[in-house]
PDB file of N, CA and C in Angstrom:
ATOM      1  N   UNK A   1      27.896 104.155  77.343  1.00  0.00           N
ATOM      2  CA  UNK A   1      27.403 104.371  78.701  1.00  0.00           C
ATOM      3  C   UNK A   1      26.959 105.826  78.887  1.00  0.00           C
ATOM      4  N   UNK A   2      27.768 106.745  78.428  1.00  0.00           N
ATOM      5  CA  UNK A   2      27.445 108.157  78.513  1.00  0.00           C
ATOM      6  C   UNK A   2      26.139 108.461  77.776  1.00  0.00           C
ATOM      7  N   UNK A   3      25.918 107.786  76.688  1.00  0.00           N
ATOM      8  CA  UNK A   3      24.705 107.944  75.890  1.00  0.00           C
ATOM      9  C   UNK A   3      23.462 107.553  76.696  1.00  0.00           C
ATOM     10  N   UNK A   4      23.569 106.465  77.468  1.00  0.00           N
ATOM     11  CA  UNK A   4      22.442 106.016  78.294  1.00  0.00           C
ATOM     12  C   UNK A   4      22.104 107.043  79.373  1.00  0.00           C
ATOM     13  N   UNK A   5      23.109 107.620  79.974  1.00  0.00           N
ATOM     14  CA  UNK A   5      22.890 108.617  81.030  1.00  0.00           C
ATOM     15  C   UNK A   5      22.203 109.850  80.444  1.00  0.00           C
ATOM     16  N   UNK A   6      22.692 110.294  79.290  1.00  0.00           N
ATOM     17  CA  UNK A   6      22.082 111.452  78.627  1.00  0.00           C
ATOM     18  C   UNK A   6      20.633 111.161  78.229  1.00  0.00           C
ATOM     19  N   UNK A   7      20.422 109.977  77.721  1.00  0.00           N
ATOM     20  CA  UNK A   7      19.078 109.570  77.328  1.00  0.00           C
ATOM     21  C   UNK A   7      18.145 109.539  78.536  1.00  0.00           C
ATOM     22  N   UNK A   8      18.632 109.033  79.642  1.00  0.00           N
ATOM     23  CA  UNK A   8      17.829 108.984  80.876  1.00  0.00           C
ATOM     24  C   UNK A   8      17.530 110.396  81.383  1.00  0.00           C
ATOM     25  N   UNK A   9      18.515 111.293  81.309  1.00  0.00           N
ATOM     26  CA  UNK A   9      18.298 112.683  81.724  1.00  0.00           C
ATOM     27  C   UNK A   9      17.218 113.343  80.858  1.00  0.00           C
ATOM     28  N   UNK A  10      17.325 113.125  79.563  1.00  0.00           N
ATOM     29  CA  UNK A  10      16.336 113.700  78.644  1.00  0.00           C
ATOM     30  C   UNK A  10      14.945 113.114  78.895  1.00  0.00           C
ATOM     31  N   UNK A  11      14.922 111.837  79.181  1.00  0.00           N
ATOM     32  CA  UNK A  11      13.641 111.192  79.478  1.00  0.00           C
ATOM     33  C   UNK A  11      13.035 111.775  80.754  1.00  0.00           C
ATOM     34  N   UNK A  12      13.850 112.014  81.763  1.00  0.00           N
ATOM     35  CA  UNK A  12      13.375 112.615  83.015  1.00  0.00           C
ATOM     36  C   UNK A  12      12.873 114.046  82.774  1.00  0.00           C
ATOM     37  N   UNK A  13      13.605 114.788  81.927  1.00  0.00           N
ATOM     38  CA  UNK A  13      13.160 116.139  81.583  1.00  0.00           C
ATOM     39  C   UNK A  13      11.800 116.083  80.881  1.00  0.00           C
ATOM     40  N   UNK A  14      11.674 115.128  79.966  1.00  0.00           N
ATOM     41  CA  UNK A  14      10.418 114.972  79.233  1.00  0.00           C
ATOM     42  C   UNK A  14       9.271 114.643  80.190  1.00  0.00           C
ATOM     43  N   UNK A  15       9.521 113.741  81.138  1.00  0.00           N
ATOM     44  CA  UNK A  15       8.486 113.382  82.113  1.00  0.00           C
ATOM     45  C   UNK A  15       8.087 114.604  82.943  1.00  0.00           C
ATOM     46  N   UNK A  16       9.081 115.378  83.360  1.00  0.00           N
ATOM     47  CA  UNK A  16       8.808 116.572  84.159  1.00  0.00           C
ATOM     48  C   UNK A  16       8.005 117.597  83.341  1.00  0.00           C
ATOM     49  N   UNK A  17       8.431 117.819  82.102  1.00  0.00           N
ATOM     50  CA  UNK A  17       7.703 118.753  81.242  1.00  0.00           C
ATOM     51  C   UNK A  17       6.287 118.259  80.951  1.00  0.00           C
ATOM     52  N   UNK A  18       6.149 116.974  80.766  1.00  0.00           N
ATOM     53  CA  UNK A  18       4.831 116.396  80.526  1.00  0.00           C
ATOM     54  C   UNK A  18       3.933 116.581  81.747  1.00  0.00           C
ATOM     55  N   UNK A  19       4.506 116.384  82.919  1.00  0.00           N
ATOM     56  CA  UNK A  19       3.755 116.582  84.163  1.00  0.00           C
ATOM     57  C   UNK A  19       3.339 118.052  84.301  1.00  0.00           C
ATOM     58  N   UNK A  20       4.274 118.960  84.008  1.00  0.00           N
ATOM     59  CA  UNK A  20       3.969 120.394  84.085  1.00  0.00           C
ATOM     60  C   UNK A  20       2.867 120.763  83.083  1.00  0.00           C
ATOM     61  N   UNK A  21       2.946 120.196  81.883  1.00  0.00           N
ATOM     62  CA  UNK A  21       1.931 120.452  80.868  1.00  0.00           C
ATOM     63  C   UNK A  21       0.560 119.985  81.360  1.00  0.00           C
ATOM     64  N   UNK A  22       0.513 118.804  81.948  1.00  0.00           N
ATOM     65  CA  UNK A  22      -0.754 118.284  82.482  1.00  0.00           C
ATOM     66  C   UNK A  22      -1.300 119.174  83.593  1.00  0.00           C
ATOM     67  N   UNK A  23      -0.409 119.677  84.439  1.00  0.00           N
ATOM     68  CA  UNK A  23      -0.833 120.596  85.504  1.00  0.00           C
ATOM     69  C   UNK A  23      -1.420 121.873  84.901  1.00  0.00           C
ATOM     70  N   UNK A  24      -0.754 122.392  83.868  1.00  0.00           N
ATOM     71  CA  UNK A  24      -1.254 123.604  83.216  1.00  0.00           C
ATOM     72  C   UNK A  24      -2.614 123.369  82.563  1.00  0.00           C
ATOM     73  N   UNK A  25      -2.774 122.225  81.945  1.00  0.00           N
ATOM     74  CA  UNK A  25      -4.066 121.887  81.331  1.00  0.00           C
ATOM     75  C   UNK A  25      -5.146 121.805  82.401  1.00  0.00           C
ATOM     76  N   UNK A  26      -4.830 121.156  83.517  1.00  0.00           N
ATOM     77  CA  UNK A  26      -5.803 121.058  84.616  1.00  0.00           C
ATOM     78  C   UNK A  26      -6.140 122.435  85.179  1.00  0.00           C
ATOM     79  N   UNK A  27      -5.109 123.281  85.338  1.00  0.00           N
ATOM     80  CA  UNK A  27      -5.342 124.637  85.838  1.00  0.00           C
ATOM     81  C   UNK A  27      -6.207 125.431  84.867  1.00  0.00           C
ATOM     82  N   UNK A  28      -5.945 125.263  83.582  1.00  0.00           N
ATOM     83  CA  UNK A  28      -6.739 125.958  82.570  1.00  0.00           C
ATOM     84  C   UNK A  28      -8.195 125.501  82.620  1.00  0.00           C
ATOM     85  N   UNK A  29      -8.401 124.207  82.736  1.00  0.00           N
ATOM     86  CA  UNK A  29      -9.773 123.675  82.815  1.00  0.00           C
ATOM     87  C   UNK A  29     -10.478 124.194  84.062  1.00  0.00           C
ATOM     88  N   UNK A  30      -9.747 124.242  85.161  1.00  0.00           N
ATOM     89  CA  UNK A  30     -10.314 124.758  86.405  1.00  0.00           C
ATOM     90  C   UNK A  30     -10.663 126.239  86.253  1.00  0.00           C
ATOM     91  N   UNK A  31      -9.770 126.986  85.630  1.00  0.00           N
ATOM     92  CA  UNK A  31     -10.007 128.405  85.402  1.00  0.00           C
ATOM     93  C   UNK A  31     -11.204 128.612  84.477  1.00  0.00           C
ATOM     94  N   UNK A  32     -11.296 127.808  83.447  1.00  0.00           N
ATOM     95  CA  UNK A  32     -12.423 127.889  82.515  1.00  0.00           C
ATOM     96  C   UNK A  32     -13.738 127.624  83.247  1.00  0.00           C
ATOM     97  N   UNK A  33     -13.726 126.632  84.139  1.00  0.00           N
ATOM     98  CA  UNK A  33     -14.917 126.309  84.933  1.00  0.00           C
ATOM     99  C   UNK A  33     -15.268 127.485  85.851  1.00  0.00           C
ATOM    100  N   UNK A  34     -14.256 128.092  86.467  1.00  0.00           N
ATOM    101  CA  UNK A  34     -14.473 129.232  87.355  1.00  0.00           C
ATOM    102  C   UNK A  34     -15.050 130.414  86.582  1.00  0.00           C
ATOM    103  N   UNK A  35     -14.539 130.646  85.377  1.00  0.00           N
ATOM    104  CA  UNK A  35     -15.057 131.733  84.544  1.00  0.00           C
ATOM    105  C   UNK A  35     -16.524 131.489  84.213  1.00  0.00           C
ATOM    106  N   UNK A  36     -16.868 130.261  83.900  1.00  0.00           N
ATOM    107  CA  UNK A  36     -18.264 129.915  83.602  1.00  0.00           C
ATOM    108  C   UNK A  36     -19.151 130.159  84.831  1.00  0.00           C
ATOM    109  N   UNK A  37     -18.667 129.776  86.014  1.00  0.00           N
ATOM    110  CA  UNK A  37     -19.435 130.009  87.243  1.00  0.00           C
ATOM    111  C   UNK A  37     -19.615 131.504  87.490  1.00  0.00           C
ATOM    112  N   UNK A  38     -18.553 132.284  87.260  1.00  0.00           N
ATOM    113  CA  UNK A  38     -18.652 133.730  87.448  1.00  0.00           C
ATOM    114  C   UNK A  38     -19.647 134.345  86.466  1.00  0.00           C
ATOM    115  N   UNK A  39     -19.658 133.846  85.263  1.00  0.00           N
ATOM    116  CA  UNK A  39     -20.609 134.328  84.260  1.00  0.00           C
ATOM    117  C   UNK A  39     -22.040 134.034  84.704  1.00  0.00           C
ATOM    118  N   UNK A  40     -22.266 132.844  85.229  1.00  0.00           N
ATOM    119  CA  UNK A  40     -23.602 132.484  85.718  1.00  0.00           C
ATOM    120  C   UNK A  40     -23.991 133.342  86.921  1.00  0.00           C
ATOM    121  N   UNK A  41     -23.023 133.607  87.808  1.00  0.00           N
ATOM    122  CA  UNK A  41     -23.296 134.461  88.965  1.00  0.00           C
ATOM    123  C   UNK A  41     -23.629 135.883  88.526  1.00  0.00           C
ATOM    124  N   UNK A  42     -22.908 136.378  87.530  1.00  0.00           N
ATOM    125  CA  UNK A  42     -23.173 137.723  87.019  1.00  0.00           C
ATOM    126  C   UNK A  42     -24.590 137.801  86.457  1.00  0.00           C
ATOM    127  N   UNK A  43     -24.989 136.789  85.700  1.00  0.00           N
ATOM    128  CA  UNK A  43     -26.339 136.765  85.122  1.00  0.00           C
ATOM    129  C   UNK A  43     -27.395 136.695  86.229  1.00  0.00           C
ATOM    130  N   UNK A  44     -27.150 135.858  87.232  1.00  0.00           N
ATOM    131  CA  UNK A  44     -28.091 135.747  88.356  1.00  0.00           C
ATOM    132  C   UNK A  44     -28.185 137.077  89.102  1.00  0.00           C
ATOM    133  N   UNK A  45     -27.052 137.764  89.254  1.00  0.00           N
ATOM    134  CA  UNK A  45     -27.033 139.062  89.928  1.00  0.00           C
ATOM    135  C   UNK A  45     -27.867 140.076  89.148  1.00  0.00           C
ATOM    136  N   UNK A  46     -27.704 140.100  87.826  1.00  0.00           N
ATOM    137  CA  UNK A  46     -28.499 141.014  86.995  1.00  0.00           C
ATOM    138  C   UNK A  46     -29.988 140.738  87.171  1.00  0.00           C
ATOM    139  N   UNK A  47     -30.360 139.461  87.134  1.00  0.00           N
ATOM    140  CA  UNK A  47     -31.769 139.094  87.281  1.00  0.00           C
ATOM    141  C   UNK A  47     -32.298 139.490  88.657  1.00  0.00           C
ATOM    142  N   UNK A  48     -31.473 139.327  89.680  1.00  0.00           N
ATOM    143  CA  UNK A  48     -31.873 139.702  91.037  1.00  0.00           C
ATOM    144  C   UNK A  48     -32.068 141.211  91.153  1.00  0.00           C
ATOM    145  N   UNK A  49     -31.161 141.984  90.574  1.00  0.00           N
ATOM    146  CA  UNK A  49     -31.284 143.442  90.610  1.00  0.00           C
ATOM    147  C   UNK A  49     -32.567 143.880  89.906  1.00  0.00           C
ATOM    148  N   UNK A  50     -32.864 143.270  88.768  1.00  0.00           N
ATOM    149  CA  UNK A  50     -34.096 143.599  88.039  1.00  0.00           C
ATOM    150  C   UNK A  50     -35.322 143.253  88.882  1.00  0.00           C
ATOM    151  N   UNK A  51     -35.309 142.076  89.502  1.00  0.00           N
ATOM    152  CA  UNK A  51     -36.449 141.658  90.331  1.00  0.00           C
ATOM    153  C   UNK A  51     -36.637 142.598  91.518  1.00  0.00           C
ATOM    154  N   UNK A  52     -35.550 142.981  92.168  1.00  0.00           N
ATOM    155  CA  UNK A  52     -35.634 143.907  93.311  1.00  0.00           C
ATOM    156  C   UNK A  52     -36.174 145.253  92.846  1.00  0.00           C
ATOM    157  N   UNK A  53     -35.702 145.710  91.707  1.00  0.00           N
ATOM    158  CA  UNK A  53     -36.178 146.978  91.156  1.00  0.00           C
ATOM    159  C   UNK A  53     -37.678 146.928  90.888  1.00  0.00           C
ATOM    160  N   UNK A  54     -38.140 145.823  90.327  1.00  0.00           N
ATOM    161  CA  UNK A  54     -39.577 145.672  90.053  1.00  0.00           C
ATOM    162  C   UNK A  54     -40.390 145.660  91.345  1.00  0.00           C
ATOM    163  N   UNK A  55     -39.884 144.974  92.364  1.00  0.00           N
ATOM    164  CA  UNK A  55     -40.585 144.922  93.656  1.00  0.00           C
ATOM    165  C   UNK A  55     -40.640 146.315  94.282  1.00  0.00           C
ATOM    166  N   UNK A  56     -39.527 147.047  94.226  1.00  0.00           N
ATOM    167  CA  UNK A  56     -39.513 148.400  94.788  1.00  0.00           C
ATOM    168  C   UNK A  56     -40.477 149.318  94.031  1.00  0.00           C
ATOM    169  N   UNK A  57     -40.512 149.184  92.725  1.00  0.00           N
ATOM    170  CA  UNK A  57     -41.429 149.999  91.918  1.00  0.00           C
ATOM    171  C   UNK A  57     -42.883 149.688  92.283  1.00  0.00           C
ATOM    172  N   UNK A  58     -43.196 148.406  92.374  1.00  0.00           N
ATOM    173  CA  UNK A  58     -44.562 148.000  92.725  1.00  0.00           C
ATOM    174  C   UNK A  58     -44.910 148.472  94.140  1.00  0.00           C
ATOM    175  N   UNK A  59     -43.965 148.361  95.071  1.00  0.00           N
ATOM    176  CA  UNK A  59     -44.201 148.828  96.443  1.00  0.00           C
ATOM    177  C   UNK A  59     -44.486 150.322  96.450  1.00  0.00           C
ATOM    178  N   UNK A  60     -43.725 151.066  95.668  1.00  0.00           N
ATOM    179  CA  UNK A  60     -43.930 152.510  95.580  1.00  0.00           C
ATOM    180  C   UNK A  60     -45.327 152.829  95.045  1.00  0.00           C
ATOM    181  N   UNK A  61     -45.750 152.101  94.015  1.00  0.00           N
ATOM    182  CA  UNK A  61     -47.103 152.298  93.470  1.00  0.00           C
ATOM    183  C   UNK A  61     -48.166 152.017  94.531  1.00  0.00           C
ATOM    184  N   UNK A  62     -47.987 150.920  95.266  1.00  0.00           N
ATOM    185  CA  UNK A  62     -48.973 150.559  96.296  1.00  0.00           C
ATOM    186  C   UNK A  62     -49.007 151.590  97.419  1.00  0.00           C
ATOM    187  N   UNK A  63     -47.847 152.103  97.795  1.00  0.00           N
ATOM    188  CA  UNK A  63     -47.793 153.132  98.847  1.00  0.00           C
ATOM    189  C   UNK A  63     -48.508 154.394  98.369  1.00  0.00           C
ATOM    190  N   UNK A  64     -48.278 154.774  97.106  1.00  0.00           N
ATOM    191  CA  UNK A  64     -48.966 155.948  96.556  1.00  0.00           C
ATOM    192  C   UNK A  64     -50.478 155.745  96.552  1.00  0.00           C
ATOM    193  N   UNK A  65     -50.925 154.587  96.112  1.00  0.00           N
ATOM    194  CA  UNK A  65     -52.366 154.304  96.085  1.00  0.00           C
ATOM    195  C   UNK A  65     -52.949 154.352  97.495  1.00  0.00           C
ATOM    196  N   UNK A  66     -52.226 153.774  98.449  1.00  0.00           N
ATOM    197  CA  UNK A  66     -52.705 153.786  99.837  1.00  0.00           C
ATOM    198  C   UNK A  66     -52.762 155.215 100.366  1.00  0.00           C
ATOM    199  N   UNK A  67     -51.748 156.016 100.032  1.00  0.00           N
ATOM    200  CA  UNK A  67     -51.728 157.411 100.480  1.00  0.00           C
ATOM    201  C   UNK A  67     -52.912 158.186  99.898  1.00  0.00           C
ATOM    202  N   UNK A  68     -53.121 158.036  98.586  1.00  0.00           N
ATOM    203  CA  UNK A  68     -54.240 158.744  97.952  1.00  0.00           C
ATOM    204  C   UNK A  68     -55.576 158.267  98.499  1.00  0.00           C
ATOM    205  N   UNK A  69     -55.712 156.973  98.714  1.00  0.00           N
ATOM    206  CA  UNK A  69     -56.963 156.439  99.267  1.00  0.00           C
ATOM    207  C   UNK A  69     -57.196 156.987 100.667  1.00  0.00           C
ATOM    208  N   UNK A  70     -56.153 157.008 101.480  1.00  0.00           N
ATOM    209  CA  UNK A  70     -56.262 157.529 102.847  1.00  0.00           C
ATOM    210  C   UNK A  70     -56.608 159.010 102.822  1.00  0.00           C
ATOM    211  N   UNK A  71     -55.948 159.760 101.950  1.00  0.00           N
ATOM    212  CA  UNK A  71     -56.221 161.195 101.829  1.00  0.00           C
ATOM    213  C   UNK A  71     -57.665 161.425 101.402  1.00  0.00           C
ATOM    214  N   UNK A  72     -58.133 160.662 100.433  1.00  0.00           N
ATOM    215  CA  UNK A  72     -59.508 160.798  99.939  1.00  0.00           C
ATOM    216  C   UNK A  72     -60.514 160.471 101.045  1.00  0.00           C
ATOM    217  N   UNK A  73     -60.259 159.396 101.775  1.00  0.00           N
ATOM    218  CA  UNK A  73     -61.160 159.008 102.876  1.00  0.00           C
ATOM    219  C   UNK A  73     -61.174 160.095 103.942  1.00  0.00           C
ATOM    220  N   UNK A  74     -59.983 160.619 104.269  1.00  0.00           N
ATOM    221  CA  UNK A  74     -59.885 161.668 105.294  1.00  0.00           C
ATOM    222  C   UNK A  74     -60.623 162.923 104.837  1.00  0.00           C
ATOM    223  N   UNK A  75     -60.433 163.319 103.575  1.00  0.00           N
ATOM    224  CA  UNK A  75     -61.133 164.503 103.053  1.00  0.00           C
ATOM    225  C   UNK A  75     -62.643 164.303 103.096  1.00  0.00           C
ATOM    226  N   UNK A  76     -63.101 163.125 102.696  1.00  0.00           N
ATOM    227  CA  UNK A  76     -64.541 162.839 102.730  1.00  0.00           C
ATOM    228  C   UNK A  76     -65.067 162.850 104.160  1.00  0.00           C
ATOM    229  N   UNK A  77     -64.275 162.319 105.072  1.00  0.00           N
ATOM    230  CA  UNK A  77     -64.687 162.269 106.476  1.00  0.00           C
ATOM    231  C   UNK A  77     -64.860 163.685 107.020  1.00  0.00           C
ATOM    232  N   UNK A  78     -63.872 164.560 106.760  1.00  0.00           N
ATOM    233  CA  UNK A  78     -63.966 165.931 107.264  1.00  0.00           C
ATOM    234  C   UNK A  78     -65.064 166.723 106.564  1.00  0.00           C
ATOM    235  N   UNK A  79     -65.247 166.481 105.270  1.00  0.00           N
ATOM    236  CA  UNK A  79     -66.316 167.210 104.561  1.00  0.00           C
ATOM    237  C   UNK A  79     -67.689 166.739 105.046  1.00  0.00           C
ATOM    238  N   UNK A  80     -67.810 165.446 105.401  1.00  0.00           N
ATOM    239  CA  UNK A  80     -69.072 164.938 105.950  1.00  0.00           C
ATOM    240  C   UNK A  80     -69.344 165.533 107.322  1.00  0.00           C
ATOM    241  N   UNK A  81     -68.284 165.758 108.108  1.00  0.00           N
ATOM    242  CA  UNK A  81     -68.460 166.314 109.447  1.00  0.00           C
ATOM    243  C   UNK A  81     -68.885 167.780 109.391  1.00  0.00           C
ATOM    244  N   UNK A  82     -68.438 168.497 108.358  1.00  0.00           N
ATOM    245  CA  UNK A  82     -68.765 169.917 108.238  1.00  0.00           C
ATOM    246  C   UNK A  82     -70.226 170.130 107.851  1.00  0.00           C
ATOM    247  N   UNK A  83     -70.816 169.126 107.196  1.00  0.00           N
ATOM    248  CA  UNK A  83     -72.207 169.292 106.756  1.00  0.00           C
ATOM    249  C   UNK A  83     -73.200 168.802 107.750  1.00  0.00           C
TER     250      UNK A  83
END
């Protein structure tokens, strides 16, 4: 009789440990999925920073061209008025 009780206790311990193991496996899988999502977000962030940098660079070029064009037109306008 004592043997049956001990066996049942061990079986319950095994079930509990098995359940804990399954929880840990699920947590690990969830963590692995989260790490993959973070990696994808990091890559998307890098691409976004590069795209923003390119847009700012192009905007700066266009502003410079507009400034030089405006300056040239203004200089021509004043030189035409002097003659």
